[in-house]
């Protein structure tokens, strides 16, 4: 992983949840408009209330369930599959090697 302080793409917004939510809301709105879909029509198609859509576009607040329904409606659900990636193994040996010495543990408060 590159040093973030040296990385020219480094922005504090990457660590600011409200800014990230605003960018997601802006991209959703841009996609909605590019597909020539009104807020009302998106509400009807997605099953998400018009008020929730308006609140997401203006205040960047929405439930995960509603966000997923909107993403499905706008054909943008694939991006959610990239969140919290899991190791992919290409051979059985890679999988077996990754399991050696692992012991199931609970998370602990430190």
PDB file of N, CA and C in Angstrom:
ATOM      1  N   UNK A   1       0.850  -1.188   0.000  1.00  0.00           N
ATOM      2  CA  UNK A   1       0.000   0.000   0.000  1.00  0.00           C
ATOM      3  C   UNK A   1       0.884   1.236   0.000  1.00  0.00           C
ATOM      4  N   UNK A   2       0.579   2.146  -0.841  1.00  0.00           N
ATOM      5  CA  UNK A   2       1.389   3.366  -0.963  1.00  0.00           C
ATOM      6  C   UNK A   2       1.191   4.247   0.265  1.00  0.00           C
ATOM      7  N   UNK A   3       2.198   5.013   0.571  1.00  0.00           N
ATOM      8  CA  UNK A   3       2.117   5.965   1.662  1.00  0.00           C
ATOM      9  C   UNK A   3       1.104   7.041   1.285  1.00  0.00           C
ATOM     10  N   UNK A   4       0.045   7.184   2.084  1.00  0.00           N
ATOM     11  CA  UNK A   4      -1.022   8.119   1.744  1.00  0.00           C
ATOM     12  C   UNK A   4      -0.568   9.567   1.794  1.00  0.00           C
ATOM     13  N   UNK A   5       0.429   9.853   2.588  1.00  0.00           N
ATOM     14  CA  UNK A   5       0.894  11.228   2.688  1.00  0.00           C
ATOM     15  C   UNK A   5       1.664  11.639   1.431  1.00  0.00           C
ATOM     16  N   UNK A   6       2.196  10.661   0.705  1.00  0.00           N
ATOM     17  CA  UNK A   6       2.943  10.941  -0.507  1.00  0.00           C
ATOM     18  C   UNK A   6       2.019  10.874  -1.722  1.00  0.00           C
ATOM     19  N   UNK A   7       0.974  10.088  -1.598  1.00  0.00           N
ATOM     20  CA  UNK A   7       0.037   9.877  -2.700  1.00  0.00           C
ATOM     21  C   UNK A   7      -0.609  11.200  -3.108  1.00  0.00           C
ATOM     22  N   UNK A   8      -0.529  11.536  -4.386  1.00  0.00           N
ATOM     23  CA  UNK A   8      -1.095  12.798  -4.881  1.00  0.00           C
ATOM     24  C   UNK A   8      -2.622  12.780  -4.891  1.00  0.00           C
ATOM     25  N   UNK A   9      -3.216  11.581  -4.797  1.00  0.00           N
ATOM     26  CA  UNK A   9      -4.669  11.449  -4.792  1.00  0.00           C
ATOM     27  C   UNK A   9      -5.245  11.557  -3.380  1.00  0.00           C
ATOM     28  N   UNK A  10      -4.397  11.719  -2.390  1.00  0.00           N
ATOM     29  CA  UNK A  10      -4.843  11.755  -0.996  1.00  0.00           C
ATOM     30  C   UNK A  10      -5.760  12.952  -0.769  1.00  0.00           C
ATOM     31  N   UNK A  11      -6.901  12.669  -0.168  1.00  0.00           N
ATOM     32  CA  UNK A  11      -7.836  13.731   0.186  1.00  0.00           C
ATOM     33  C   UNK A  11      -8.446  13.387   1.534  1.00  0.00           C
ATOM     34  N   UNK A  12      -8.629  14.364   2.366  1.00  0.00           N
ATOM     35  CA  UNK A  12      -9.228  14.118   3.670  1.00  0.00           C
ATOM     36  C   UNK A  12     -10.650  13.599   3.546  1.00  0.00           C
ATOM     37  N   UNK A  13     -11.319  13.876   2.435  1.00  0.00           N
ATOM     38  CA  UNK A  13     -12.687  13.405   2.249  1.00  0.00           C
ATOM     39  C   UNK A  13     -12.782  11.881   2.278  1.00  0.00           C
ATOM     40  N   UNK A  14     -11.672  11.193   2.026  1.00  0.00           N
ATOM     41  CA  UNK A  14     -11.699   9.739   2.057  1.00  0.00           C
ATOM     42  C   UNK A  14     -11.969   9.227   3.463  1.00  0.00           C
ATOM     43  N   UNK A  15     -11.770  10.068   4.477  1.00  0.00           N
ATOM     44  CA  UNK A  15     -11.960   9.681   5.865  1.00  0.00           C
ATOM     45  C   UNK A  15     -13.102  10.453   6.511  1.00  0.00           C
ATOM     46  N   UNK A  16     -13.917  11.086   5.725  1.00  0.00           N
ATOM     47  CA  UNK A  16     -14.994  11.923   6.222  1.00  0.00           C
ATOM     48  C   UNK A  16     -16.325  11.328   5.754  1.00  0.00           C
ATOM     49  N   UNK A  17     -16.993  10.537   6.604  1.00  0.00           N
ATOM     50  CA  UNK A  17     -18.230   9.877   6.171  1.00  0.00           C
ATOM     51  C   UNK A  17     -19.285  10.799   5.558  1.00  0.00           C
ATOM     52  N   UNK A  18     -19.536  12.005   6.104  1.00  0.00           N
ATOM     53  CA  UNK A  18     -20.524  12.867   5.450  1.00  0.00           C
ATOM     54  C   UNK A  18     -20.118  13.263   4.025  1.00  0.00           C
ATOM     55  N   UNK A  19     -18.827  13.484   3.795  1.00  0.00           N
ATOM     56  CA  UNK A  19     -18.369  13.834   2.453  1.00  0.00           C
ATOM     57  C   UNK A  19     -18.507  12.652   1.510  1.00  0.00           C
ATOM     58  N   UNK A  20     -18.211  11.460   1.996  1.00  0.00           N
ATOM     59  CA  UNK A  20     -18.369  10.259   1.180  1.00  0.00           C
ATOM     60  C   UNK A  20     -19.847  10.067   0.835  1.00  0.00           C
ATOM     61  N   UNK A  21     -20.715  10.239   1.819  1.00  0.00           N
ATOM     62  CA  UNK A  21     -22.157  10.108   1.579  1.00  0.00           C
ATOM     63  C   UNK A  21     -22.622  11.135   0.548  1.00  0.00           C
ATOM     64  N   UNK A  22     -22.093  12.349   0.622  1.00  0.00           N
ATOM     65  CA  UNK A  22     -22.453  13.381  -0.349  1.00  0.00           C
ATOM     66  C   UNK A  22     -22.018  13.014  -1.757  1.00  0.00           C
ATOM     67  N   UNK A  23     -20.830  12.433  -1.875  1.00  0.00           N
ATOM     68  CA  UNK A  23     -20.359  12.019  -3.198  1.00  0.00           C
ATOM     69  C   UNK A  23     -21.211  10.889  -3.757  1.00  0.00           C
ATOM     70  N   UNK A  24     -21.591   9.946  -2.900  1.00  0.00           N
ATOM     71  CA  UNK A  24     -22.447   8.848  -3.348  1.00  0.00           C
ATOM     72  C   UNK A  24     -23.801   9.396  -3.792  1.00  0.00           C
ATOM     73  N   UNK A  25     -24.359  10.297  -3.015  1.00  0.00           N
ATOM     74  CA  UNK A  25     -25.652  10.900  -3.372  1.00  0.00           C
ATOM     75  C   UNK A  25     -25.540  11.663  -4.688  1.00  0.00           C
ATOM     76  N   UNK A  26     -24.454  12.384  -4.877  1.00  0.00           N
ATOM     77  CA  UNK A  26     -24.258  13.131  -6.122  1.00  0.00           C
ATOM     78  C   UNK A  26     -24.131  12.217  -7.323  1.00  0.00           C
ATOM     79  N   UNK A  27     -23.399  11.107  -7.153  1.00  0.00           N
ATOM     80  CA  UNK A  27     -23.256  10.160  -8.267  1.00  0.00           C
ATOM     81  C   UNK A  27     -24.585   9.486  -8.582  1.00  0.00           C
ATOM     82  N   UNK A  28     -25.375   9.186  -7.527  1.00  0.00           N
ATOM     83  CA  UNK A  28     -26.691   8.593  -7.754  1.00  0.00           C
ATOM     84  C   UNK A  28     -27.581   9.570  -8.523  1.00  0.00           C
ATOM     85  N   UNK A  29     -27.563  10.828  -8.140  1.00  0.00           N
ATOM     86  CA  UNK A  29     -28.381  11.832  -8.821  1.00  0.00           C
ATOM     87  C   UNK A  29     -27.938  11.989 -10.276  1.00  0.00           C
ATOM     88  N   UNK A  30     -26.613  12.037 -10.500  1.00  0.00           N
ATOM     89  CA  UNK A  30     -26.099  12.144 -11.874  1.00  0.00           C
ATOM     90  C   UNK A  30     -26.541  10.958 -12.719  1.00  0.00           C
ATOM     91  N   UNK A  31     -26.489   9.763 -12.139  1.00  0.00           N
ATOM     92  CA  UNK A  31     -26.909   8.561 -12.869  1.00  0.00           C
ATOM     93  C   UNK A  31     -28.404   8.596 -13.145  1.00  0.00           C
ATOM     94  N   UNK A  32     -29.172   9.035 -12.164  1.00  0.00           N
ATOM     95  CA  UNK A  32     -30.628   9.151 -12.349  1.00  0.00           C
ATOM     96  C   UNK A  32     -30.947  10.110 -13.487  1.00  0.00           C
ATOM     97  N   UNK A  33     -30.284  11.249 -13.495  1.00  0.00           N
ATOM     98  CA  UNK A  33     -30.533  12.241 -14.549  1.00  0.00           C
ATOM     99  C   UNK A  33     -30.030  11.752 -15.912  1.00  0.00           C
ATOM    100  N   UNK A  34     -28.909  11.051 -15.935  1.00  0.00           N
ATOM    101  CA  UNK A  34     -28.388  10.518 -17.198  1.00  0.00           C
ATOM    102  C   UNK A  34     -29.351   9.502 -17.796  1.00  0.00           C
ATOM    103  N   UNK A  35     -30.086   8.819 -16.935  1.00  0.00           N
ATOM    104  CA  UNK A  35     -31.075   7.845 -17.415  1.00  0.00           C
ATOM    105  C   UNK A  35     -32.446   8.498 -17.618  1.00  0.00           C
ATOM    106  N   UNK A  36     -32.489   9.827 -17.470  1.00  0.00           N
ATOM    107  CA  UNK A  36     -33.714  10.596 -17.679  1.00  0.00           C
ATOM    108  C   UNK A  36     -34.864  10.095 -16.796  1.00  0.00           C
ATOM    109  N   UNK A  37     -34.540   9.893 -15.514  1.00  0.00           N
ATOM    110  CA  UNK A  37     -35.526   9.404 -14.551  1.00  0.00           C
ATOM    111  C   UNK A  37     -35.777  10.507 -13.531  1.00  0.00           C
ATOM    112  N   UNK A  38     -37.024  10.843 -13.316  1.00  0.00           N
ATOM    113  CA  UNK A  38     -37.377  11.838 -12.306  1.00  0.00           C
ATOM    114  C   UNK A  38     -37.311  11.204 -10.919  1.00  0.00           C
ATOM    115  N   UNK A  39     -37.273  12.033  -9.903  1.00  0.00           N
ATOM    116  CA  UNK A  39     -37.313  11.517  -8.541  1.00  0.00           C
ATOM    117  C   UNK A  39     -38.589  10.711  -8.316  1.00  0.00           C
ATOM    118  N   UNK A  40     -39.692  11.224  -8.803  1.00  0.00           N
ATOM    119  CA  UNK A  40     -40.990  10.545  -8.647  1.00  0.00           C
ATOM    120  C   UNK A  40     -40.959   9.181  -9.322  1.00  0.00           C
ATOM    121  N   UNK A  41     -40.416   9.125 -10.538  1.00  0.00           N
ATOM    122  CA  UNK A  41     -40.353   7.867 -11.265  1.00  0.00           C
ATOM    123  C   UNK A  41     -39.421   6.879 -10.571  1.00  0.00           C
ATOM    124  N   UNK A  42     -38.301   7.367 -10.049  1.00  0.00           N
ATOM    125  CA  UNK A  42     -37.380   6.498  -9.318  1.00  0.00           C
ATOM    126  C   UNK A  42     -38.065   5.936  -8.076  1.00  0.00           C
ATOM    127  N   UNK A  43     -38.846   6.761  -7.406  1.00  0.00           N
ATOM    128  CA  UNK A  43     -39.585   6.298  -6.234  1.00  0.00           C
ATOM    129  C   UNK A  43     -40.539   5.168  -6.614  1.00  0.00           C
ATOM    130  N   UNK A  44     -41.253   5.358  -7.709  1.00  0.00           N
ATOM    131  CA  UNK A  44     -42.202   4.326  -8.148  1.00  0.00           C
ATOM    132  C   UNK A  44     -41.494   3.043  -8.552  1.00  0.00           C
ATOM    133  N   UNK A  45     -40.412   3.162  -9.281  1.00  0.00           N
ATOM    134  CA  UNK A  45     -39.681   1.984  -9.763  1.00  0.00           C
ATOM    135  C   UNK A  45     -38.973   1.233  -8.645  1.00  0.00           C
ATOM    136  N   UNK A  46     -38.429   1.964  -7.679  1.00  0.00           N
ATOM    137  CA  UNK A  46     -37.596   1.346  -6.643  1.00  0.00           C
ATOM    138  C   UNK A  46     -38.368   0.910  -5.410  1.00  0.00           C
ATOM    139  N   UNK A  47     -39.527   1.496  -5.201  1.00  0.00           N
ATOM    140  CA  UNK A  47     -40.271   1.210  -3.982  1.00  0.00           C
ATOM    141  C   UNK A  47     -39.796   2.033  -2.795  1.00  0.00           C
ATOM    142  N   UNK A  48     -38.913   2.986  -3.051  1.00  0.00           N
ATOM    143  CA  UNK A  48     -38.407   3.889  -2.017  1.00  0.00           C
ATOM    144  C   UNK A  48     -39.266   5.147  -2.056  1.00  0.00           C
ATOM    145  N   UNK A  49     -39.643   5.659  -0.906  1.00  0.00           N
ATOM    146  CA  UNK A  49     -40.514   6.829  -0.894  1.00  0.00           C
ATOM    147  C   UNK A  49     -39.842   8.030  -1.553  1.00  0.00           C
ATOM    148  N   UNK A  50     -40.655   8.891  -2.121  1.00  0.00           N
ATOM    149  CA  UNK A  50     -40.151  10.106  -2.744  1.00  0.00           C
ATOM    150  C   UNK A  50     -39.405  10.956  -1.717  1.00  0.00           C
ATOM    151  N   UNK A  51     -39.919  11.019  -0.501  1.00  0.00           N
ATOM    152  CA  UNK A  51     -39.263  11.787   0.553  1.00  0.00           C
ATOM    153  C   UNK A  51     -37.864  11.270   0.860  1.00  0.00           C
ATOM    154  N   UNK A  52     -37.705   9.941   0.856  1.00  0.00           N
ATOM    155  CA  UNK A  52     -36.381   9.363   1.111  1.00  0.00           C
ATOM    156  C   UNK A  52     -35.407   9.712  -0.001  1.00  0.00           C
ATOM    157  N   UNK A  53     -35.867   9.694  -1.237  1.00  0.00           N
ATOM    158  CA  UNK A  53     -35.012  10.046  -2.366  1.00  0.00           C
ATOM    159  C   UNK A  53     -34.612  11.515  -2.290  1.00  0.00           C
ATOM    160  N   UNK A  54     -35.577  12.376  -2.005  1.00  0.00           N
ATOM    161  CA  UNK A  54     -35.275  13.810  -1.883  1.00  0.00           C
ATOM    162  C   UNK A  54     -34.294  14.061  -0.739  1.00  0.00           C
ATOM    163  N   UNK A  55     -34.507  13.381   0.399  1.00  0.00           N
ATOM    164  CA  UNK A  55     -33.621  13.555   1.545  1.00  0.00           C
ATOM    165  C   UNK A  55     -32.206  13.078   1.213  1.00  0.00           C
ATOM    166  N   UNK A  56     -32.087  11.973   0.468  1.00  0.00           N
ATOM    167  CA  UNK A  56     -30.768  11.480   0.104  1.00  0.00           C
ATOM    168  C   UNK A  56     -30.054  12.464  -0.812  1.00  0.00           C
ATOM    169  N   UNK A  57     -30.754  13.008  -1.780  1.00  0.00           N
ATOM    170  CA  UNK A  57     -30.123  13.952  -2.709  1.00  0.00           C
ATOM    171  C   UNK A  57     -29.785  15.279  -2.051  1.00  0.00           C
ATOM    172  N   UNK A  58     -30.537  15.680  -1.051  1.00  0.00           N
ATOM    173  CA  UNK A  58     -30.274  16.985  -0.436  1.00  0.00           C
ATOM    174  C   UNK A  58     -29.445  16.898   0.846  1.00  0.00           C
ATOM    175  N   UNK A  59     -29.754  15.927   1.718  1.00  0.00           N
ATOM    176  CA  UNK A  59     -29.072  15.836   3.006  1.00  0.00           C
ATOM    177  C   UNK A  59     -28.134  14.628   3.096  1.00  0.00           C
ATOM    178  N   UNK A  60     -28.114  13.805   2.041  1.00  0.00           N
ATOM    179  CA  UNK A  60     -27.232  12.633   1.949  1.00  0.00           C
ATOM    180  C   UNK A  60     -27.518  11.609   3.029  1.00  0.00           C
ATOM    181  N   UNK A  61     -28.774  11.478   3.423  1.00  0.00           N
ATOM    182  CA  UNK A  61     -29.175  10.519   4.453  1.00  0.00           C
ATOM    183  C   UNK A  61     -30.146   9.515   3.851  1.00  0.00           C
ATOM    184  N   UNK A  62     -29.850   8.207   4.058  1.00  0.00           N
ATOM    185  CA  UNK A  62     -30.714   7.155   3.534  1.00  0.00           C
ATOM    186  C   UNK A  62     -30.383   5.852   4.243  1.00  0.00           C
ATOM    187  N   UNK A  63     -31.355   4.972   4.338  1.00  0.00           N
ATOM    188  CA  UNK A  63     -31.079   3.655   4.919  1.00  0.00           C
ATOM    189  C   UNK A  63     -30.342   2.796   3.897  1.00  0.00           C
ATOM    190  N   UNK A  64     -29.620   1.830   4.386  1.00  0.00           N
ATOM    191  CA  UNK A  64     -28.904   0.929   3.479  1.00  0.00           C
ATOM    192  C   UNK A  64     -29.881   0.175   2.586  1.00  0.00           C
ATOM    193  N   UNK A  65     -30.983  -0.267   3.150  1.00  0.00           N
ATOM    194  CA  UNK A  65     -31.991  -0.992   2.363  1.00  0.00           C
ATOM    195  C   UNK A  65     -32.477  -0.133   1.199  1.00  0.00           C
ATOM    196  N   UNK A  66     -32.814   1.118   1.468  1.00  0.00           N
ATOM    197  CA  UNK A  66     -33.300   2.000   0.400  1.00  0.00           C
ATOM    198  C   UNK A  66     -32.209   2.305  -0.619  1.00  0.00           C
ATOM    199  N   UNK A  67     -30.973   2.476  -0.137  1.00  0.00           N
ATOM    200  CA  UNK A  67     -29.870   2.733  -1.063  1.00  0.00           C
ATOM    201  C   UNK A  67     -29.672   1.552  -2.002  1.00  0.00           C
ATOM    202  N   UNK A  68     -29.766   0.346  -1.473  1.00  0.00           N
ATOM    203  CA  UNK A  68     -29.624  -0.849  -2.314  1.00  0.00           C
ATOM    204  C   UNK A  68     -30.773  -0.964  -3.321  1.00  0.00           C
ATOM    205  N   UNK A  69     -31.975  -0.618  -2.911  1.00  0.00           N
ATOM    206  CA  UNK A  69     -33.116  -0.656  -3.835  1.00  0.00           C
ATOM    207  C   UNK A  69     -32.927   0.357  -4.968  1.00  0.00           C
ATOM    208  N   UNK A  70     -32.438   1.525  -4.649  1.00  0.00           N
ATOM    209  CA  UNK A  70     -32.182   2.540  -5.673  1.00  0.00           C
ATOM    210  C   UNK A  70     -31.071   2.068  -6.603  1.00  0.00           C
ATOM    211  N   UNK A  71     -29.997   1.522  -6.033  1.00  0.00           N
ATOM    212  CA  UNK A  71     -28.880   1.029  -6.849  1.00  0.00           C
ATOM    213  C   UNK A  71     -29.354  -0.066  -7.796  1.00  0.00           C
ATOM    214  N   UNK A  72     -30.204  -0.954  -7.321  1.00  0.00           N
ATOM    215  CA  UNK A  72     -30.745  -2.009  -8.181  1.00  0.00           C
ATOM    216  C   UNK A  72     -31.559  -1.410  -9.321  1.00  0.00           C
ATOM    217  N   UNK A  73     -32.372  -0.437  -9.009  1.00  0.00           N
ATOM    218  CA  UNK A  73     -33.213   0.215 -10.021  1.00  0.00           C
ATOM    219  C   UNK A  73     -32.382   0.935 -11.073  1.00  0.00           C
ATOM    220  N   UNK A  74     -31.269   1.548 -10.650  1.00  0.00           N
ATOM    221  CA  UNK A  74     -30.413   2.295 -11.577  1.00  0.00           C
ATOM    222  C   UNK A  74     -29.326   1.410 -12.195  1.00  0.00           C
ATOM    223  N   UNK A  75     -29.405   0.106 -11.963  1.00  0.00           N
ATOM    224  CA  UNK A  75     -28.435  -0.860 -12.487  1.00  0.00           C
ATOM    225  C   UNK A  75     -27.024  -0.534 -12.012  1.00  0.00           C
ATOM    226  N   UNK A  76     -26.907  -0.232 -10.723  1.00  0.00           N
ATOM    227  CA  UNK A  76     -25.611   0.124 -10.139  1.00  0.00           C
ATOM    228  C   UNK A  76     -25.303  -0.724  -8.906  1.00  0.00           C
ATOM    229  N   UNK A  77     -25.965  -1.842  -8.769  1.00  0.00           N
ATOM    230  CA  UNK A  77     -25.809  -2.672  -7.578  1.00  0.00           C
ATOM    231  C   UNK A  77     -24.449  -3.359  -7.518  1.00  0.00           C
ATOM    232  N   UNK A  78     -23.831  -3.579  -8.667  1.00  0.00           N
ATOM    233  CA  UNK A  78     -22.556  -4.299  -8.719  1.00  0.00           C
ATOM    234  C   UNK A  78     -21.482  -3.662  -7.841  1.00  0.00           C
ATOM    235  N   UNK A  79     -21.479  -2.361  -7.720  1.00  0.00           N
ATOM    236  CA  UNK A  79     -20.457  -1.675  -6.926  1.00  0.00           C
ATOM    237  C   UNK A  79     -20.492  -2.106  -5.460  1.00  0.00           C
ATOM    238  N   UNK A  80     -21.646  -2.498  -4.952  1.00  0.00           N
ATOM    239  CA  UNK A  80     -21.742  -2.912  -3.555  1.00  0.00           C
ATOM    240  C   UNK A  80     -21.038  -4.242  -3.303  1.00  0.00           C
ATOM    241  N   UNK A  81     -20.866  -5.036  -4.341  1.00  0.00           N
ATOM    242  CA  UNK A  81     -20.180  -6.313  -4.188  1.00  0.00           C
ATOM    243  C   UNK A  81     -18.683  -6.119  -3.963  1.00  0.00           C
ATOM    244  N   UNK A  82     -18.182  -4.929  -4.208  1.00  0.00           N
ATOM    245  CA  UNK A  82     -16.766  -4.646  -4.016  1.00  0.00           C
ATOM    246  C   UNK A  82     -16.450  -4.156  -2.602  1.00  0.00           C
ATOM    247  N   UNK A  83     -17.480  -3.870  -1.813  1.00  0.00           N
ATOM    248  CA  UNK A  83     -17.263  -3.450  -0.428  1.00  0.00           C
ATOM    249  C   UNK A  83     -16.807  -4.640   0.405  1.00  0.00           C
ATOM    250  N   UNK A  84     -15.911  -4.412   1.309  1.00  0.00           N
ATOM    251  CA  UNK A  84     -15.419  -5.432   2.234  1.00  0.00           C
ATOM    252  C   UNK A  84     -14.964  -6.688   1.485  1.00  0.00           C
ATOM    253  N   UNK A  85     -13.958  -6.549   0.621  1.00  0.00           N
ATOM    254  CA  UNK A  85     -13.515  -7.687  -0.193  1.00  0.00           C
ATOM    255  C   UNK A  85     -12.960  -8.825   0.657  1.00  0.00           C
ATOM    256  N   UNK A  86     -13.128 -10.022   0.137  1.00  0.00           N
ATOM    257  CA  UNK A  86     -12.649 -11.233   0.782  1.00  0.00           C
ATOM    258  C   UNK A  86     -11.520 -11.786  -0.070  1.00  0.00           C
ATOM    259  N   UNK A  87     -10.541 -12.400   0.573  1.00  0.00           N
ATOM    260  CA  UNK A  87      -9.443 -12.998  -0.187  1.00  0.00           C
ATOM    261  C   UNK A  87      -9.980 -14.034  -1.171  1.00  0.00           C
ATOM    262  N   UNK A  88      -9.468 -13.993  -2.371  1.00  0.00           N
ATOM    263  CA  UNK A  88      -9.814 -14.996  -3.369  1.00  0.00           C
ATOM    264  C   UNK A  88      -8.628 -15.918  -3.543  1.00  0.00           C
ATOM    265  N   UNK A  89      -8.890 -17.197  -3.574  1.00  0.00           N
ATOM    266  CA  UNK A  89      -7.832 -18.182  -3.725  1.00  0.00           C
ATOM    267  C   UNK A  89      -7.948 -18.798  -5.107  1.00  0.00           C
ATOM    268  N   UNK A  90      -6.794 -18.969  -5.751  1.00  0.00           N
ATOM    269  CA  UNK A  90      -6.767 -19.499  -7.113  1.00  0.00           C
ATOM    270  C   UNK A  90      -6.449 -20.981  -7.148  1.00  0.00           C
ATOM    271  N   UNK A  91      -5.875 -21.486  -6.069  1.00  0.00           N
ATOM    272  CA  UNK A  91      -5.575 -22.914  -6.000  1.00  0.00           C
ATOM    273  C   UNK A  91      -5.989 -23.434  -4.631  1.00  0.00           C
ATOM    274  N   UNK A  92      -6.160 -24.738  -4.539  1.00  0.00           N
ATOM    275  CA  UNK A  92      -6.503 -25.353  -3.262  1.00  0.00           C
ATOM    276  C   UNK A  92      -5.362 -25.166  -2.266  1.00  0.00           C
ATOM    277  N   UNK A  93      -4.126 -25.196  -2.741  1.00  0.00           N
ATOM    278  CA  UNK A  93      -2.979 -24.995  -1.845  1.00  0.00           C
ATOM    279  C   UNK A  93      -2.999 -23.610  -1.211  1.00  0.00           C
ATOM    280  N   UNK A  94      -3.368 -22.584  -1.971  1.00  0.00           N
ATOM    281  CA  UNK A  94      -3.468 -21.231  -1.410  1.00  0.00           C
ATOM    282  C   UNK A  94      -4.501 -21.195  -0.285  1.00  0.00           C
ATOM    283  N   UNK A  95      -5.624 -21.844  -0.509  1.00  0.00           N
ATOM    284  CA  UNK A  95      -6.670 -21.884   0.509  1.00  0.00           C
ATOM    285  C   UNK A  95      -6.181 -22.621   1.747  1.00  0.00           C
ATOM    286  N   UNK A  96      -5.573 -23.785   1.560  1.00  0.00           N
ATOM    287  CA  UNK A  96      -5.089 -24.566   2.692  1.00  0.00           C
ATOM    288  C   UNK A  96      -3.987 -23.828   3.451  1.00  0.00           C
ATOM    289  N   UNK A  97      -3.096 -23.169   2.726  1.00  0.00           N
ATOM    290  CA  UNK A  97      -2.031 -22.403   3.371  1.00  0.00           C
ATOM    291  C   UNK A  97      -2.599 -21.256   4.206  1.00  0.00           C
ATOM    292  N   UNK A  98      -3.654 -20.654   3.745  1.00  0.00           N
ATOM    293  CA  UNK A  98      -4.243 -19.529   4.479  1.00  0.00           C
ATOM    294  C   UNK A  98      -4.901 -19.988   5.777  1.00  0.00           C
ATOM    295  N   UNK A  99      -5.310 -21.254   5.829  1.00  0.00           N
ATOM    296  CA  UNK A  99      -5.997 -21.777   7.011  1.00  0.00           C
ATOM    297  C   UNK A  99      -5.038 -22.305   8.071  1.00  0.00           C
ATOM    298  N   UNK A 100      -3.776 -22.528   7.728  1.00  0.00           N
ATOM    299  CA  UNK A 100      -2.808 -23.061   8.686  1.00  0.00           C
ATOM    300  C   UNK A 100      -2.602 -22.086   9.839  1.00  0.00           C
ATOM    301  N   UNK A 101      -2.704 -22.614  11.009  1.00  0.00           N
ATOM    302  CA  UNK A 101      -2.426 -21.809  12.192  1.00  0.00           C
ATOM    303  C   UNK A 101      -3.530 -20.840  12.573  1.00  0.00           C
ATOM    304  N   UNK A 102      -4.624 -20.826  11.802  1.00  0.00           N
ATOM    305  CA  UNK A 102      -5.716 -19.919  12.165  1.00  0.00           C
ATOM    306  C   UNK A 102      -6.574 -20.557  13.241  1.00  0.00           C
ATOM    307  N   UNK A 103      -6.954 -19.781  14.205  1.00  0.00           N
ATOM    308  CA  UNK A 103      -7.807 -20.223  15.268  1.00  0.00           C
ATOM    309  C   UNK A 103      -8.928 -19.204  15.403  1.00  0.00           C
ATOM    310  N   UNK A 104     -10.134 -19.667  15.476  1.00  0.00           N
ATOM    311  CA  UNK A 104     -11.267 -18.744  15.562  1.00  0.00           C
ATOM    312  C   UNK A 104     -11.173 -17.969  16.858  1.00  0.00           C
ATOM    313  N   UNK A 105     -11.333 -16.664  16.734  1.00  0.00           N
ATOM    314  CA  UNK A 105     -11.234 -15.791  17.900  1.00  0.00           C
ATOM    315  C   UNK A 105     -12.360 -14.772  17.881  1.00  0.00           C
ATOM    316  N   UNK A 106     -12.655 -14.274  19.034  1.00  0.00           N
ATOM    317  CA  UNK A 106     -13.610 -13.180  19.141  1.00  0.00           C
ATOM    318  C   UNK A 106     -12.853 -11.862  19.129  1.00  0.00           C
ATOM    319  N   UNK A 107     -13.508 -10.845  18.648  1.00  0.00           N
ATOM    320  CA  UNK A 107     -12.911  -9.509  18.726  1.00  0.00           C
ATOM    321  C   UNK A 107     -12.904  -9.062  20.171  1.00  0.00           C
ATOM    322  N   UNK A 108     -11.893  -8.322  20.531  1.00  0.00           N
ATOM    323  CA  UNK A 108     -11.782  -7.860  21.907  1.00  0.00           C
ATOM    324  C   UNK A 108     -11.692  -6.347  21.951  1.00  0.00           C
ATOM    325  N   UNK A 109     -12.272  -5.779  22.976  1.00  0.00           N
ATOM    326  CA  UNK A 109     -12.119  -4.343  23.197  1.00  0.00           C
ATOM    327  C   UNK A 109     -10.726  -4.091  23.728  1.00  0.00           C
ATOM    328  N   UNK A 110     -10.054  -3.129  23.154  1.00  0.00           N
ATOM    329  CA  UNK A 110      -8.698  -2.818  23.597  1.00  0.00           C
ATOM    330  C   UNK A 110      -8.660  -1.486  24.288  1.00  0.00           C
TER     331      UNK A 110
END
